[in-house]
Amino acid sequence: AVVVCGLYLSRKSATFFSPTVRLQTMA
């Protein structure tokens, strides 16, 4: 469940993460 959820959200993150949020989240 957590692996599938991580794979799915990683694929979709380009559509809902703004650049600023993406940098903060990855850090």
PDB file of all heavy atoms in Angstrom:
ATOM      1  N   ALA A   1       0.826  -1.207   0.000  1.00  0.00           N
ATOM      2  CA  ALA A   1       0.000   0.000   0.000  1.00  0.00           C
ATOM      3  C   ALA A   1       0.860   1.257   0.000  1.00  0.00           C
ATOM      4  O   ALA A   1       0.628   2.183  -0.782  1.00  0.00           O
ATOM      5  CB  ALA A   1      -0.944  -0.005   1.203  1.00  0.00           C
ATOM      6  N   VAL A   2       1.849   1.308   0.871  1.00  0.00           N
ATOM      7  CA  VAL A   2       2.669   2.520   0.952  1.00  0.00           C
ATOM      8  C   VAL A   2       3.572   2.652  -0.273  1.00  0.00           C
ATOM      9  O   VAL A   2       3.815   3.769  -0.753  1.00  0.00           O
ATOM     10  CB  VAL A   2       3.482   2.529   2.265  1.00  0.00           C
ATOM     11  CG1 VAL A   2       4.600   1.517   2.245  1.00  0.00           C
ATOM     12  CG2 VAL A   2       4.055   3.914   2.539  1.00  0.00           C
ATOM     13  N   VAL A   3       4.038   1.546  -0.834  1.00  0.00           N
ATOM     14  CA  VAL A   3       4.864   1.603  -2.044  1.00  0.00           C
ATOM     15  C   VAL A   3       4.049   2.101  -3.228  1.00  0.00           C
ATOM     16  O   VAL A   3       4.485   2.992  -3.985  1.00  0.00           O
ATOM     17  CB  VAL A   3       5.480   0.224  -2.347  1.00  0.00           C
ATOM     18  CG1 VAL A   3       6.070   0.185  -3.749  1.00  0.00           C
ATOM     19  CG2 VAL A   3       6.549  -0.113  -1.323  1.00  0.00           C
ATOM     20  N   VAL A   4       2.853   1.555  -3.408  1.00  0.00           N
ATOM     21  CA  VAL A   4       1.994   1.984  -4.519  1.00  0.00           C
ATOM     22  C   VAL A   4       1.604   3.450  -4.364  1.00  0.00           C
ATOM     23  O   VAL A   4       1.616   4.231  -5.330  1.00  0.00           O
ATOM     24  CB  VAL A   4       0.741   1.085  -4.600  1.00  0.00           C
ATOM     25  CG1 VAL A   4      -0.290   1.674  -5.563  1.00  0.00           C
ATOM     26  CG2 VAL A   4       1.129  -0.314  -5.044  1.00  0.00           C
ATOM     27  N   CYS A   5       1.258   3.843  -3.149  1.00  0.00           N
ATOM     28  CA  CYS A   5       0.895   5.239  -2.901  1.00  0.00           C
ATOM     29  C   CYS A   5       2.078   6.165  -3.202  1.00  0.00           C
ATOM     30  O   CYS A   5       1.909   7.227  -3.818  1.00  0.00           O
ATOM     31  CB  CYS A   5       0.439   5.403  -1.457  1.00  0.00           C
ATOM     32  SG  CYS A   5      -0.234   7.026  -1.065  1.00  0.00           S
ATOM     33  N   GLY A   6       3.282   5.779  -2.776  1.00  0.00           N
ATOM     34  CA  GLY A   6       4.457   6.594  -3.054  1.00  0.00           C
ATOM     35  C   GLY A   6       4.753   6.705  -4.536  1.00  0.00           C
ATOM     36  O   GLY A   6       5.075   7.789  -5.043  1.00  0.00           O
ATOM     37  N   LEU A   7       4.650   5.587  -5.261  1.00  0.00           N
ATOM     38  CA  LEU A   7       4.876   5.609  -6.700  1.00  0.00           C
ATOM     39  C   LEU A   7       3.850   6.501  -7.400  1.00  0.00           C
ATOM     40  O   LEU A   7       4.191   7.289  -8.293  1.00  0.00           O
ATOM     41  CB  LEU A   7       4.796   4.188  -7.267  1.00  0.00           C
ATOM     42  CG  LEU A   7       5.966   3.245  -6.991  1.00  0.00           C
ATOM     43  CD1 LEU A   7       5.606   1.813  -7.390  1.00  0.00           C
ATOM     44  CD2 LEU A   7       7.216   3.695  -7.736  1.00  0.00           C
ATOM     45  N   TYR A   8       2.576   6.384  -6.994  1.00  0.00           N
ATOM     46  CA  TYR A   8       1.510   7.162  -7.633  1.00  0.00           C
ATOM     47  C   TYR A   8       1.680   8.656  -7.374  1.00  0.00           C
ATOM     48  O   TYR A   8       1.607   9.474  -8.298  1.00  0.00           O
ATOM     49  CB  TYR A   8       0.154   6.677  -7.118  1.00  0.00           C
ATOM     50  CG  TYR A   8      -1.010   7.442  -7.692  1.00  0.00           C
ATOM     51  CD1 TYR A   8      -1.517   7.134  -8.950  1.00  0.00           C
ATOM     52  CD2 TYR A   8      -1.610   8.484  -6.985  1.00  0.00           C
ATOM     53  CE1 TYR A   8      -2.577   7.836  -9.491  1.00  0.00           C
ATOM     54  CE2 TYR A   8      -2.672   9.196  -7.514  1.00  0.00           C
ATOM     55  CZ  TYR A   8      -3.149   8.867  -8.763  1.00  0.00           C
ATOM     56  OH  TYR A   8      -4.201   9.570  -9.296  1.00  0.00           O
ATOM     57  N   LEU A   9       1.908   9.026  -6.118  1.00  0.00           N
ATOM     58  CA  LEU A   9       2.035  10.442  -5.782  1.00  0.00           C
ATOM     59  C   LEU A   9       3.298  11.056  -6.388  1.00  0.00           C
ATOM     60  O   LEU A   9       3.295  12.227  -6.775  1.00  0.00           O
ATOM     61  CB  LEU A   9       2.037  10.629  -4.264  1.00  0.00           C
ATOM     62  CG  LEU A   9       0.704  10.354  -3.570  1.00  0.00           C
ATOM     63  CD1 LEU A   9       0.840  10.520  -2.065  1.00  0.00           C
ATOM     64  CD2 LEU A   9      -0.376  11.290  -4.100  1.00  0.00           C
ATOM     65  N   SER A  10       4.365  10.276  -6.463  1.00  0.00           N
ATOM     66  CA  SER A  10       5.575  10.779  -7.097  1.00  0.00           C
ATOM     67  C   SER A  10       5.319  11.105  -8.566  1.00  0.00           C
ATOM     68  O   SER A  10       5.781  12.128  -9.087  1.00  0.00           O
ATOM     69  CB  SER A  10       6.693   9.738  -6.977  1.00  0.00           C
ATOM     70  OG  SER A  10       7.843  10.142  -7.682  1.00  0.00           O
ATOM     71  N   ARG A  11       4.552  10.239  -9.214  1.00  0.00           N
ATOM     72  CA  ARG A  11       4.225  10.452 -10.628  1.00  0.00           C
ATOM     73  C   ARG A  11       3.344  11.682 -10.814  1.00  0.00           C
ATOM     74  O   ARG A  11       3.491  12.437 -11.782  1.00  0.00           O
ATOM     75  CB  ARG A  11       3.513   9.202 -11.160  1.00  0.00           C
ATOM     76  CG  ARG A  11       3.255   9.189 -12.642  1.00  0.00           C
ATOM     77  CD  ARG A  11       4.496   8.834 -13.400  1.00  0.00           C
ATOM     78  NE  ARG A  11       4.226   8.592 -14.808  1.00  0.00           N
ATOM     79  CZ  ARG A  11       5.151   8.265 -15.697  1.00  0.00           C
ATOM     80  NH1 ARG A  11       6.394   8.135 -15.309  1.00  0.00           N
ATOM     81  NH2 ARG A  11       4.842   8.068 -16.953  1.00  0.00           N
ATOM     82  N   LYS A  12       2.415  11.899  -9.867  1.00  0.00           N
ATOM     83  CA  LYS A  12       1.443  12.992  -9.976  1.00  0.00           C
ATOM     84  C   LYS A  12       1.928  14.302  -9.364  1.00  0.00           C
ATOM     85  O   LYS A  12       1.279  15.336  -9.536  1.00  0.00           O
ATOM     86  CB  LYS A  12       0.129  12.588  -9.292  1.00  0.00           C
ATOM     87  CG  LYS A  12      -0.621  11.461  -9.980  1.00  0.00           C
ATOM     88  CD  LYS A  12      -1.164  11.913 -11.323  1.00  0.00           C
ATOM     89  CE  LYS A  12      -2.000  10.842 -11.985  1.00  0.00           C
ATOM     90  NZ  LYS A  12      -2.537  11.275 -13.295  1.00  0.00           N
ATOM     91  N   SER A  13       3.025  14.276  -8.641  1.00  0.00           N
ATOM     92  CA  SER A  13       3.437  15.461  -7.884  1.00  0.00           C
ATOM     93  C   SER A  13       3.718  16.659  -8.778  1.00  0.00           C
ATOM     94  O   SER A  13       3.599  17.808  -8.335  1.00  0.00           O
ATOM     95  CB  SER A  13       4.680  15.138  -7.038  1.00  0.00           C
ATOM     96  OG  SER A  13       5.774  14.798  -7.871  1.00  0.00           O
ATOM     97  N   ALA A  14       4.101  16.414 -10.036  1.00  0.00           N
ATOM     98  CA  ALA A  14       4.375  17.532 -10.936  1.00  0.00           C
ATOM     99  C   ALA A  14       3.133  18.371 -11.195  1.00  0.00           C
ATOM    100  O   ALA A  14       3.235  19.550 -11.561  1.00  0.00           O
ATOM    101  CB  ALA A  14       4.933  17.009 -12.259  1.00  0.00           C
ATOM    102  N   THR A  15       1.949  17.790 -10.977  1.00  0.00           N
ATOM    103  CA  THR A  15       0.712  18.514 -11.263  1.00  0.00           C
ATOM    104  C   THR A  15       0.159  19.268 -10.062  1.00  0.00           C
ATOM    105  O   THR A  15      -0.693  20.141 -10.236  1.00  0.00           O
ATOM    106  CB  THR A  15      -0.379  17.538 -11.758  1.00  0.00           C
ATOM    107  OG1 THR A  15      -0.686  16.590 -10.715  1.00  0.00           O
ATOM    108  CG2 THR A  15       0.098  16.769 -12.979  1.00  0.00           C
ATOM    109  N   PHE A  16       0.610  18.936  -8.842  1.00  0.00           N
ATOM    110  CA  PHE A  16       0.048  19.635  -7.682  1.00  0.00           C
ATOM    111  C   PHE A  16       1.084  20.291  -6.777  1.00  0.00           C
ATOM    112  O   PHE A  16       0.717  21.053  -5.895  1.00  0.00           O
ATOM    113  CB  PHE A  16      -0.861  18.707  -6.863  1.00  0.00           C
ATOM    114  CG  PHE A  16      -0.206  17.463  -6.326  1.00  0.00           C
ATOM    115  CD1 PHE A  16       0.687  17.505  -5.280  1.00  0.00           C
ATOM    116  CD2 PHE A  16      -0.512  16.216  -6.876  1.00  0.00           C
ATOM    117  CE1 PHE A  16       1.268  16.350  -4.779  1.00  0.00           C
ATOM    118  CE2 PHE A  16       0.068  15.055  -6.389  1.00  0.00           C
ATOM    119  CZ  PHE A  16       0.964  15.128  -5.334  1.00  0.00           C
ATOM    120  N   PHE A  17       2.368  20.019  -6.957  1.00  0.00           N
ATOM    121  CA  PHE A  17       3.399  20.689  -6.172  1.00  0.00           C
ATOM    122  C   PHE A  17       3.875  21.938  -6.921  1.00  0.00           C
ATOM    123  O   PHE A  17       4.267  21.850  -8.088  1.00  0.00           O
ATOM    124  CB  PHE A  17       4.599  19.779  -5.933  1.00  0.00           C
ATOM    125  CG  PHE A  17       4.494  18.935  -4.702  1.00  0.00           C
ATOM    126  CD1 PHE A  17       5.489  18.021  -4.393  1.00  0.00           C
ATOM    127  CD2 PHE A  17       3.421  19.044  -3.839  1.00  0.00           C
ATOM    128  CE1 PHE A  17       5.410  17.232  -3.259  1.00  0.00           C
ATOM    129  CE2 PHE A  17       3.319  18.259  -2.700  1.00  0.00           C
ATOM    130  CZ  PHE A  17       4.313  17.350  -2.411  1.00  0.00           C
ATOM    131  N   SER A  18       3.854  23.081  -6.247  1.00  0.00           N
ATOM    132  CA  SER A  18       4.482  24.265  -6.816  1.00  0.00           C
ATOM    133  C   SER A  18       5.997  24.123  -6.653  1.00  0.00           C
ATOM    134  O   SER A  18       6.469  23.328  -5.833  1.00  0.00           O
ATOM    135  CB  SER A  18       3.992  25.520  -6.099  1.00  0.00           C
ATOM    136  OG  SER A  18       4.411  25.517  -4.746  1.00  0.00           O
ATOM    137  N   PRO A  19       6.791  24.881  -7.441  1.00  0.00           N
ATOM    138  CA  PRO A  19       8.251  24.764  -7.299  1.00  0.00           C
ATOM    139  C   PRO A  19       8.746  25.002  -5.880  1.00  0.00           C
ATOM    140  O   PRO A  19       9.635  24.292  -5.395  1.00  0.00           O
ATOM    141  CB  PRO A  19       8.779  25.834  -8.268  1.00  0.00           C
ATOM    142  CG  PRO A  19       7.699  25.989  -9.281  1.00  0.00           C
ATOM    143  CD  PRO A  19       6.421  25.767  -8.544  1.00  0.00           C
ATOM    144  N   THR A  20       8.189  25.997  -5.197  1.00  0.00           N
ATOM    145  CA  THR A  20       8.626  26.296  -3.829  1.00  0.00           C
ATOM    146  C   THR A  20       8.325  25.140  -2.896  1.00  0.00           C
ATOM    147  O   THR A  20       9.173  24.719  -2.094  1.00  0.00           O
ATOM    148  CB  THR A  20       7.938  27.572  -3.324  1.00  0.00           C
ATOM    149  OG1 THR A  20       8.257  28.664  -4.189  1.00  0.00           O
ATOM    150  CG2 THR A  20       8.394  27.901  -1.902  1.00  0.00           C
ATOM    151  N   VAL A  21       7.119  24.591  -2.986  1.00  0.00           N
ATOM    152  CA  VAL A  21       6.736  23.471  -2.126  1.00  0.00           C
ATOM    153  C   VAL A  21       7.583  22.252  -2.424  1.00  0.00           C
ATOM    154  O   VAL A  21       7.996  21.520  -1.513  1.00  0.00           O
ATOM    155  CB  VAL A  21       5.234  23.158  -2.298  1.00  0.00           C
ATOM    156  CG1 VAL A  21       4.877  21.837  -1.622  1.00  0.00           C
ATOM    157  CG2 VAL A  21       4.386  24.284  -1.731  1.00  0.00           C
ATOM    158  N   ARG A  22       7.884  22.029  -3.700  1.00  0.00           N
ATOM    159  CA  ARG A  22       8.687  20.857  -4.062  1.00  0.00           C
ATOM    160  C   ARG A  22      10.078  20.950  -3.442  1.00  0.00           C
ATOM    161  O   ARG A  22      10.597  19.965  -2.902  1.00  0.00           O
ATOM    162  CB  ARG A  22       8.787  20.740  -5.581  1.00  0.00           C
ATOM    163  CG  ARG A  22       9.528  19.488  -6.043  1.00  0.00           C
ATOM    164  CD  ARG A  22       9.571  19.380  -7.558  1.00  0.00           C
ATOM    165  NE  ARG A  22       8.234  19.218  -8.105  1.00  0.00           N
ATOM    166  CZ  ARG A  22       7.576  20.166  -8.764  1.00  0.00           C
ATOM    167  NH1 ARG A  22       8.131  21.343  -8.963  1.00  0.00           N
ATOM    168  NH2 ARG A  22       6.372  19.943  -9.227  1.00  0.00           N
ATOM    169  N   LEU A  23      10.690  22.112  -3.503  1.00  0.00           N
ATOM    170  CA  LEU A  23      12.021  22.286  -2.905  1.00  0.00           C
ATOM    171  C   LEU A  23      11.974  22.080  -1.394  1.00  0.00           C
ATOM    172  O   LEU A  23      12.844  21.415  -0.820  1.00  0.00           O
ATOM    173  CB  LEU A  23      12.560  23.680  -3.228  1.00  0.00           C
ATOM    174  CG  LEU A  23      12.950  23.938  -4.688  1.00  0.00           C
ATOM    175  CD1 LEU A  23      13.267  25.415  -4.906  1.00  0.00           C
ATOM    176  CD2 LEU A  23      14.137  23.081  -5.084  1.00  0.00           C
ATOM    177  N   GLN A  24      10.956  22.648  -0.747  1.00  0.00           N
ATOM    178  CA  GLN A  24      10.831  22.485   0.702  1.00  0.00           C
ATOM    179  C   GLN A  24      10.610  21.026   1.075  1.00  0.00           C
ATOM    180  O   GLN A  24      11.237  20.508   2.006  1.00  0.00           O
ATOM    181  CB  GLN A  24       9.665  23.345   1.215  1.00  0.00           C
ATOM    182  CG  GLN A  24       9.899  24.836   1.129  1.00  0.00           C
ATOM    183  CD  GLN A  24       8.667  25.626   1.550  1.00  0.00           C
ATOM    184  OE1 GLN A  24       7.537  25.173   1.389  1.00  0.00           O
ATOM    185  NE2 GLN A  24       8.880  26.811   2.090  1.00  0.00           N
ATOM    186  N   THR A  25       9.722  20.363   0.358  1.00  0.00           N
ATOM    187  CA  THR A  25       9.380  18.973   0.680  1.00  0.00           C
ATOM    188  C   THR A  25      10.572  18.052   0.498  1.00  0.00           C
ATOM    189  O   THR A  25      10.856  17.200   1.350  1.00  0.00           O
ATOM    190  CB  THR A  25       8.207  18.502  -0.203  1.00  0.00           C
ATOM    191  OG1 THR A  25       7.094  19.375  -0.029  1.00  0.00           O
ATOM    192  CG2 THR A  25       7.792  17.089   0.160  1.00  0.00           C
ATOM    193  N   MET A  26      11.294  18.220  -0.614  1.00  0.00           N
ATOM    194  CA  MET A  26      12.441  17.357  -0.858  1.00  0.00           C
ATOM    195  C   MET A  26      13.528  17.562   0.197  1.00  0.00           C
ATOM    196  O   MET A  26      14.174  16.605   0.633  1.00  0.00           O
ATOM    197  CB  MET A  26      13.011  17.618  -2.255  1.00  0.00           C
ATOM    198  CG  MET A  26      12.106  17.201  -3.400  1.00  0.00           C
ATOM    199  SD  MET A  26      11.703  15.429  -3.380  1.00  0.00           S
ATOM    200  CE  MET A  26      10.050  15.467  -2.651  1.00  0.00           C
ATOM    201  N   ALA A  27      13.714  18.813   0.626  1.00  0.00           N
ATOM    202  CA  ALA A  27      14.740  19.079   1.648  1.00  0.00           C
ATOM    203  C   ALA A  27      14.380  18.404   2.969  1.00  0.00           C
ATOM    204  O   ALA A  27      15.230  17.782   3.615  1.00  0.00           O
ATOM    205  CB  ALA A  27      14.895  20.587   1.843  1.00  0.00           C
TER     206      ALA A  27
END
